[in-house]
Amino acid sequence: GSPPLVPPDTSVVFEVELLDIVCKVDLFNDGKAVKTVQDRGSGSAKPVEGQEVRVSLTVRNNKGSIVEQHTDVDYVLGTADLHSIPMKIVTQAFVHMFEGERASVHLRRFAGCTLVPRQL
C-alpha cells in the first residue's frame, strides 16, 4: 500500500502508455556536445572511422541563424574538420548514427573550452 491513498495489503494496477522516446547521446560525457535524434534512419549500418560518408550539414548559431549550410558532401570520418566543425565532434556524431538518420548536435561552450570553435 501507499497510505493514506492506498490502504496496506491492497493491490494497485497502473495503466501506462509510452508516447515517445527522446534519444539523446552525450558524445563526450561532459555535456559539451549532445546529439538528439530527430528522425531515425531506415538503415542498420553505422559508419566507422576511416569510412567515406555522404552528409548534409547545417550549422546554426545560438539565435537560430544559419552560419553554414552544405549539401551532399563526401567526407572521410576522422580525417579532417568538416568545414568549421572540428573533426573530433564530427566523428563522434557520425559513429553514433545509423544510415539515413537525421540528428542535431547541441554544442555548449564552457570557460576555457577549445572543443567549440569561436565563430560558432
N, C-alpha and C. Protein backbone atom coordinates (compact mmCIF):
# COMPACT_ATOMS: atom_id res chain seq x y z
N GLY A 1 0.80 -1.19 0.00
CA GLY A 1 0.00 0.00 0.00
C GLY A 1 0.85 1.26 0.00
N SER A 2 0.19 2.36 -0.10
CA SER A 2 0.81 3.68 -0.05
C SER A 2 -0.12 4.61 0.71
N PRO A 3 -0.16 4.44 2.05
CA PRO A 3 -1.08 5.22 2.88
C PRO A 3 -0.87 6.72 2.68
N PRO A 4 -1.86 7.56 2.74
CA PRO A 4 -3.25 7.22 3.07
C PRO A 4 -4.10 6.90 1.85
N LEU A 5 -3.59 7.09 0.62
CA LEU A 5 -4.42 6.85 -0.57
C LEU A 5 -4.72 5.38 -0.80
N VAL A 6 -3.74 4.51 -0.60
CA VAL A 6 -3.92 3.07 -0.82
C VAL A 6 -3.67 2.37 0.51
N PRO A 7 -4.68 1.71 1.02
CA PRO A 7 -4.51 1.03 2.30
C PRO A 7 -3.48 -0.10 2.20
N PRO A 8 -2.87 -0.49 3.32
CA PRO A 8 -1.91 -1.60 3.32
C PRO A 8 -2.56 -2.88 2.78
N ASP A 9 -1.73 -3.74 2.19
CA ASP A 9 -2.16 -5.03 1.66
C ASP A 9 -3.21 -4.90 0.55
N THR A 10 -3.13 -3.84 -0.24
CA THR A 10 -4.05 -3.63 -1.35
C THR A 10 -3.28 -3.68 -2.66
N SER A 11 -3.83 -4.34 -3.65
CA SER A 11 -3.20 -4.39 -4.97
C SER A 11 -3.58 -3.15 -5.76
N VAL A 12 -2.64 -2.65 -6.53
CA VAL A 12 -2.88 -1.48 -7.37
C VAL A 12 -2.43 -1.84 -8.79
N VAL A 13 -3.22 -1.47 -9.79
CA VAL A 13 -2.88 -1.71 -11.19
C VAL A 13 -2.65 -0.36 -11.84
N PHE A 14 -1.48 -0.19 -12.47
CA PHE A 14 -1.16 1.03 -13.18
C PHE A 14 -1.31 0.78 -14.67
N GLU A 15 -1.95 1.70 -15.36
CA GLU A 15 -2.00 1.65 -16.81
C GLU A 15 -1.15 2.80 -17.33
N VAL A 16 -0.16 2.48 -18.15
CA VAL A 16 0.74 3.49 -18.67
C VAL A 16 0.87 3.34 -20.18
N GLU A 17 1.24 4.42 -20.83
CA GLU A 17 1.45 4.41 -22.27
C GLU A 17 2.72 5.20 -22.56
N LEU A 18 3.63 4.59 -23.30
CA LEU A 18 4.86 5.27 -23.72
C LEU A 18 4.55 6.03 -24.99
N LEU A 19 4.56 7.36 -24.91
CA LEU A 19 4.18 8.19 -26.05
C LEU A 19 5.34 8.48 -27.00
N ASP A 20 6.52 8.59 -26.45
CA ASP A 20 7.66 8.93 -27.30
C ASP A 20 8.94 8.63 -26.53
N ILE A 21 10.00 8.38 -27.27
CA ILE A 21 11.31 8.20 -26.68
C ILE A 21 12.22 9.26 -27.29
N VAL A 22 12.81 10.06 -26.45
CA VAL A 22 13.75 11.07 -26.92
C VAL A 22 15.14 10.49 -26.74
N CYS A 23 15.81 10.29 -27.85
CA CYS A 23 17.13 9.68 -27.80
C CYS A 23 18.20 10.76 -27.82
N LYS A 24 18.91 10.90 -26.70
CA LYS A 24 19.99 11.87 -26.60
C LYS A 24 21.27 11.12 -26.22
N VAL A 25 22.38 11.53 -26.86
CA VAL A 25 23.67 10.92 -26.57
C VAL A 25 24.65 12.04 -26.26
N ASP A 26 25.23 12.01 -25.05
CA ASP A 26 26.29 12.96 -24.69
C ASP A 26 27.58 12.41 -25.30
N LEU A 27 28.03 13.02 -26.39
CA LEU A 27 29.11 12.45 -27.19
C LEU A 27 30.43 12.31 -26.45
N PHE A 28 30.70 13.19 -25.47
CA PHE A 28 31.97 13.14 -24.74
C PHE A 28 31.76 12.97 -23.24
N ASN A 29 30.53 12.70 -22.82
CA ASN A 29 30.19 12.52 -21.41
C ASN A 29 30.58 13.71 -20.54
N ASP A 30 30.45 14.93 -21.11
CA ASP A 30 30.78 16.12 -20.34
C ASP A 30 29.78 17.26 -20.57
N GLY A 31 28.73 17.00 -21.34
CA GLY A 31 27.71 17.99 -21.60
C GLY A 31 28.04 19.01 -22.68
N LYS A 32 29.20 18.89 -23.30
CA LYS A 32 29.62 19.89 -24.30
C LYS A 32 29.07 19.62 -25.68
N ALA A 33 28.74 18.39 -26.00
CA ALA A 33 28.19 18.04 -27.32
C ALA A 33 27.15 16.94 -27.12
N VAL A 34 25.87 17.31 -27.26
CA VAL A 34 24.78 16.36 -27.03
C VAL A 34 24.01 16.19 -28.33
N LYS A 35 23.97 14.94 -28.81
CA LYS A 35 23.27 14.61 -30.06
C LYS A 35 21.85 14.16 -29.73
N THR A 36 20.88 14.74 -30.45
CA THR A 36 19.48 14.37 -30.31
C THR A 36 18.98 13.85 -31.65
N VAL A 37 18.42 12.66 -31.65
CA VAL A 37 17.89 12.07 -32.88
C VAL A 37 16.59 12.78 -33.24
N GLN A 38 16.53 13.29 -34.49
CA GLN A 38 15.31 13.93 -34.98
C GLN A 38 14.47 12.95 -35.78
N ASP A 39 15.11 12.19 -36.66
CA ASP A 39 14.44 11.14 -37.43
C ASP A 39 15.35 9.92 -37.45
N ARG A 40 14.81 8.80 -37.02
CA ARG A 40 15.60 7.57 -37.03
C ARG A 40 15.81 7.13 -38.48
N GLY A 41 16.98 6.67 -38.77
CA GLY A 41 17.27 6.19 -40.12
C GLY A 41 16.64 4.84 -40.38
N SER A 42 16.55 4.50 -41.65
CA SER A 42 15.98 3.21 -42.01
C SER A 42 17.07 2.15 -42.11
N GLY A 43 18.31 2.60 -42.14
CA GLY A 43 19.42 1.66 -42.27
C GLY A 43 19.80 1.04 -40.94
N SER A 44 20.63 0.00 -41.01
CA SER A 44 21.09 -0.66 -39.79
C SER A 44 22.59 -0.50 -39.61
N ALA A 45 23.25 0.12 -40.60
CA ALA A 45 24.71 0.28 -40.54
C ALA A 45 25.09 1.60 -39.91
N LYS A 46 26.17 1.55 -39.12
CA LYS A 46 26.77 2.76 -38.56
C LYS A 46 28.15 2.90 -39.19
N PRO A 47 28.55 4.14 -39.54
CA PRO A 47 29.87 4.31 -40.13
C PRO A 47 30.97 4.16 -39.08
N VAL A 48 32.17 3.85 -39.56
CA VAL A 48 33.33 3.73 -38.68
C VAL A 48 34.40 4.71 -39.14
N GLU A 49 35.30 5.04 -38.24
CA GLU A 49 36.38 5.96 -38.57
C GLU A 49 37.16 5.44 -39.78
N GLY A 50 37.45 6.34 -40.72
CA GLY A 50 38.15 5.98 -41.94
C GLY A 50 37.22 5.67 -43.11
N GLN A 51 35.94 5.54 -42.84
CA GLN A 51 34.97 5.24 -43.88
C GLN A 51 34.47 6.52 -44.53
N GLU A 52 34.23 6.47 -45.85
CA GLU A 52 33.70 7.63 -46.56
C GLU A 52 32.18 7.66 -46.41
N VAL A 53 31.65 8.84 -46.08
CA VAL A 53 30.21 9.03 -45.94
C VAL A 53 29.79 10.24 -46.75
N ARG A 54 28.54 10.31 -47.09
CA ARG A 54 27.98 11.50 -47.75
C ARG A 54 27.02 12.14 -46.76
N VAL A 55 27.22 13.43 -46.49
CA VAL A 55 26.45 14.10 -45.44
C VAL A 55 25.91 15.44 -45.94
N SER A 56 24.90 15.91 -45.25
CA SER A 56 24.41 17.28 -45.38
C SER A 56 24.54 17.89 -44.00
N LEU A 57 24.89 19.15 -43.94
CA LEU A 57 25.21 19.80 -42.67
C LEU A 57 24.67 21.22 -42.66
N THR A 58 23.96 21.58 -41.61
CA THR A 58 23.53 22.95 -41.39
C THR A 58 24.02 23.35 -40.01
N VAL A 59 24.72 24.47 -39.93
CA VAL A 59 25.24 24.97 -38.67
C VAL A 59 24.47 26.25 -38.34
N ARG A 60 23.89 26.28 -37.14
CA ARG A 60 23.14 27.46 -36.68
C ARG A 60 23.80 28.01 -35.42
N ASN A 61 23.75 29.32 -35.27
CA ASN A 61 24.26 29.92 -34.04
C ASN A 61 23.21 29.81 -32.94
N ASN A 62 23.51 30.33 -31.76
CA ASN A 62 22.60 30.17 -30.62
C ASN A 62 21.30 30.96 -30.79
N LYS A 63 21.21 31.81 -31.82
CA LYS A 63 19.97 32.55 -32.10
C LYS A 63 19.16 31.88 -33.21
N GLY A 64 19.68 30.76 -33.76
CA GLY A 64 18.96 30.02 -34.78
C GLY A 64 19.28 30.43 -36.21
N SER A 65 20.14 31.43 -36.38
CA SER A 65 20.51 31.86 -37.74
C SER A 65 21.49 30.88 -38.36
N ILE A 66 21.33 30.61 -39.65
CA ILE A 66 22.23 29.69 -40.35
C ILE A 66 23.58 30.35 -40.56
N VAL A 67 24.63 29.69 -40.09
CA VAL A 67 26.01 30.15 -40.22
C VAL A 67 26.66 29.48 -41.43
N GLU A 68 26.37 28.19 -41.62
CA GLU A 68 26.89 27.39 -42.74
C GLU A 68 25.83 26.41 -43.16
N GLN A 69 25.85 26.07 -44.46
CA GLN A 69 24.97 25.02 -44.94
C GLN A 69 25.66 24.32 -46.11
N HIS A 70 25.74 22.99 -46.03
CA HIS A 70 26.40 22.19 -47.07
C HIS A 70 25.52 20.97 -47.34
N THR A 71 25.37 20.63 -48.62
CA THR A 71 24.52 19.50 -49.02
C THR A 71 25.34 18.50 -49.82
N ASP A 72 25.11 17.22 -49.56
CA ASP A 72 25.77 16.12 -50.28
C ASP A 72 27.29 16.27 -50.33
N VAL A 73 27.90 16.35 -49.16
CA VAL A 73 29.34 16.48 -49.03
C VAL A 73 29.94 15.10 -48.76
N ASP A 74 30.93 14.70 -49.54
CA ASP A 74 31.65 13.46 -49.28
C ASP A 74 32.71 13.75 -48.22
N TYR A 75 32.79 12.89 -47.21
CA TYR A 75 33.68 13.11 -46.08
C TYR A 75 34.19 11.78 -45.57
N VAL A 76 35.47 11.71 -45.25
CA VAL A 76 36.06 10.51 -44.66
C VAL A 76 36.16 10.74 -43.16
N LEU A 77 35.45 9.91 -42.39
CA LEU A 77 35.40 10.09 -40.94
C LEU A 77 36.78 10.02 -40.29
N GLY A 78 37.06 11.01 -39.46
CA GLY A 78 38.29 11.01 -38.69
C GLY A 78 39.50 11.55 -39.41
N THR A 79 39.33 12.20 -40.56
CA THR A 79 40.50 12.66 -41.32
C THR A 79 40.74 14.16 -41.23
N ALA A 80 39.68 14.96 -41.08
CA ALA A 80 39.84 16.42 -41.07
C ALA A 80 38.57 17.06 -40.53
N ASP A 81 38.67 18.37 -40.24
CA ASP A 81 37.48 19.11 -39.85
C ASP A 81 36.49 19.11 -41.01
N LEU A 82 35.22 19.21 -40.72
CA LEU A 82 34.19 19.32 -41.74
C LEU A 82 33.75 20.78 -41.76
N HIS A 83 34.39 21.54 -42.63
CA HIS A 83 34.22 22.99 -42.70
C HIS A 83 34.59 23.57 -41.34
N SER A 84 33.69 24.25 -40.62
CA SER A 84 34.08 24.86 -39.34
C SER A 84 33.93 23.92 -38.14
N ILE A 85 33.41 22.72 -38.36
CA ILE A 85 33.18 21.80 -37.24
C ILE A 85 34.40 20.91 -37.06
N PRO A 86 34.97 20.92 -35.84
CA PRO A 86 36.17 20.11 -35.58
C PRO A 86 35.94 18.61 -35.82
N MET A 87 36.98 17.96 -36.32
CA MET A 87 36.94 16.54 -36.64
C MET A 87 36.45 15.70 -35.45
N LYS A 88 36.89 16.03 -34.26
CA LYS A 88 36.52 15.26 -33.07
C LYS A 88 35.00 15.21 -32.89
N ILE A 89 34.34 16.34 -33.08
CA ILE A 89 32.88 16.41 -32.93
C ILE A 89 32.19 15.66 -34.07
N VAL A 90 32.62 15.91 -35.30
CA VAL A 90 32.02 15.28 -36.47
C VAL A 90 32.12 13.76 -36.38
N THR A 91 33.29 13.27 -36.07
CA THR A 91 33.50 11.82 -35.99
C THR A 91 32.62 11.20 -34.92
N GLN A 92 32.61 11.79 -33.72
CA GLN A 92 31.79 11.24 -32.63
C GLN A 92 30.30 11.24 -33.00
N ALA A 93 29.85 12.31 -33.63
CA ALA A 93 28.43 12.38 -34.00
C ALA A 93 28.07 11.29 -35.01
N PHE A 94 28.89 11.15 -36.06
CA PHE A 94 28.54 10.21 -37.12
C PHE A 94 28.70 8.75 -36.72
N VAL A 95 29.65 8.40 -35.88
CA VAL A 95 29.78 6.98 -35.49
C VAL A 95 28.64 6.55 -34.57
N HIS A 96 27.87 7.50 -34.07
CA HIS A 96 26.69 7.19 -33.25
C HIS A 96 25.39 7.28 -34.04
N MET A 97 25.49 7.36 -35.38
CA MET A 97 24.30 7.50 -36.21
C MET A 97 24.12 6.28 -37.11
N PHE A 98 22.85 6.01 -37.45
CA PHE A 98 22.53 4.98 -38.42
C PHE A 98 22.32 5.64 -39.79
N GLU A 99 22.49 4.86 -40.84
CA GLU A 99 22.29 5.35 -42.20
C GLU A 99 20.88 5.95 -42.33
N GLY A 100 20.80 7.16 -42.86
CA GLY A 100 19.53 7.83 -43.06
C GLY A 100 19.04 8.63 -41.86
N GLU A 101 19.72 8.54 -40.74
CA GLU A 101 19.30 9.25 -39.53
C GLU A 101 19.54 10.75 -39.67
N ARG A 102 18.62 11.54 -39.12
CA ARG A 102 18.79 12.99 -39.00
C ARG A 102 18.90 13.30 -37.52
N ALA A 103 19.89 14.10 -37.18
CA ALA A 103 20.11 14.43 -35.77
C ALA A 103 20.61 15.86 -35.65
N SER A 104 20.47 16.41 -34.46
CA SER A 104 21.07 17.71 -34.16
C SER A 104 22.10 17.48 -33.07
N VAL A 105 23.15 18.28 -33.10
CA VAL A 105 24.17 18.21 -32.05
C VAL A 105 24.26 19.60 -31.44
N HIS A 106 23.89 19.69 -30.17
CA HIS A 106 23.94 20.96 -29.46
C HIS A 106 25.33 21.09 -28.82
N LEU A 107 26.06 22.12 -29.23
CA LEU A 107 27.40 22.36 -28.69
C LEU A 107 27.34 23.46 -27.65
N ARG A 108 27.91 23.20 -26.50
CA ARG A 108 27.97 24.21 -25.44
C ARG A 108 29.41 24.58 -25.18
N ARG A 109 29.63 25.88 -25.08
CA ARG A 109 30.98 26.37 -24.81
C ARG A 109 31.09 26.68 -23.31
N PHE A 110 32.10 26.14 -22.68
CA PHE A 110 32.38 26.43 -21.28
C PHE A 110 33.65 27.26 -21.21
N ALA A 111 33.90 27.88 -20.08
CA ALA A 111 35.12 28.67 -19.91
C ALA A 111 36.34 27.82 -20.23
N GLY A 112 37.19 28.31 -21.12
CA GLY A 112 38.40 27.59 -21.50
C GLY A 112 38.17 26.45 -22.47
N CYS A 113 36.95 26.32 -22.99
CA CYS A 113 36.62 25.22 -23.90
C CYS A 113 37.25 25.47 -25.27
N THR A 114 37.97 24.48 -25.77
CA THR A 114 38.54 24.58 -27.11
C THR A 114 37.80 23.67 -28.09
N LEU A 115 36.80 22.91 -27.60
CA LEU A 115 36.05 21.98 -28.43
C LEU A 115 35.18 22.72 -29.44
N VAL A 116 34.54 23.81 -29.01
CA VAL A 116 33.62 24.54 -29.87
C VAL A 116 34.33 25.74 -30.47
N PRO A 117 34.36 25.85 -31.81
CA PRO A 117 35.05 26.96 -32.45
C PRO A 117 34.46 28.31 -32.05
N ARG A 118 35.30 29.32 -31.93
CA ARG A 118 34.87 30.65 -31.52
C ARG A 118 33.80 31.25 -32.43
N GLN A 119 33.89 31.00 -33.76
CA GLN A 119 32.93 31.58 -34.68
C GLN A 119 31.53 31.03 -34.51
N LEU A 120 31.40 29.92 -33.79
CA LEU A 120 30.07 29.36 -33.54
C LEU A 120 29.63 29.90 -32.23
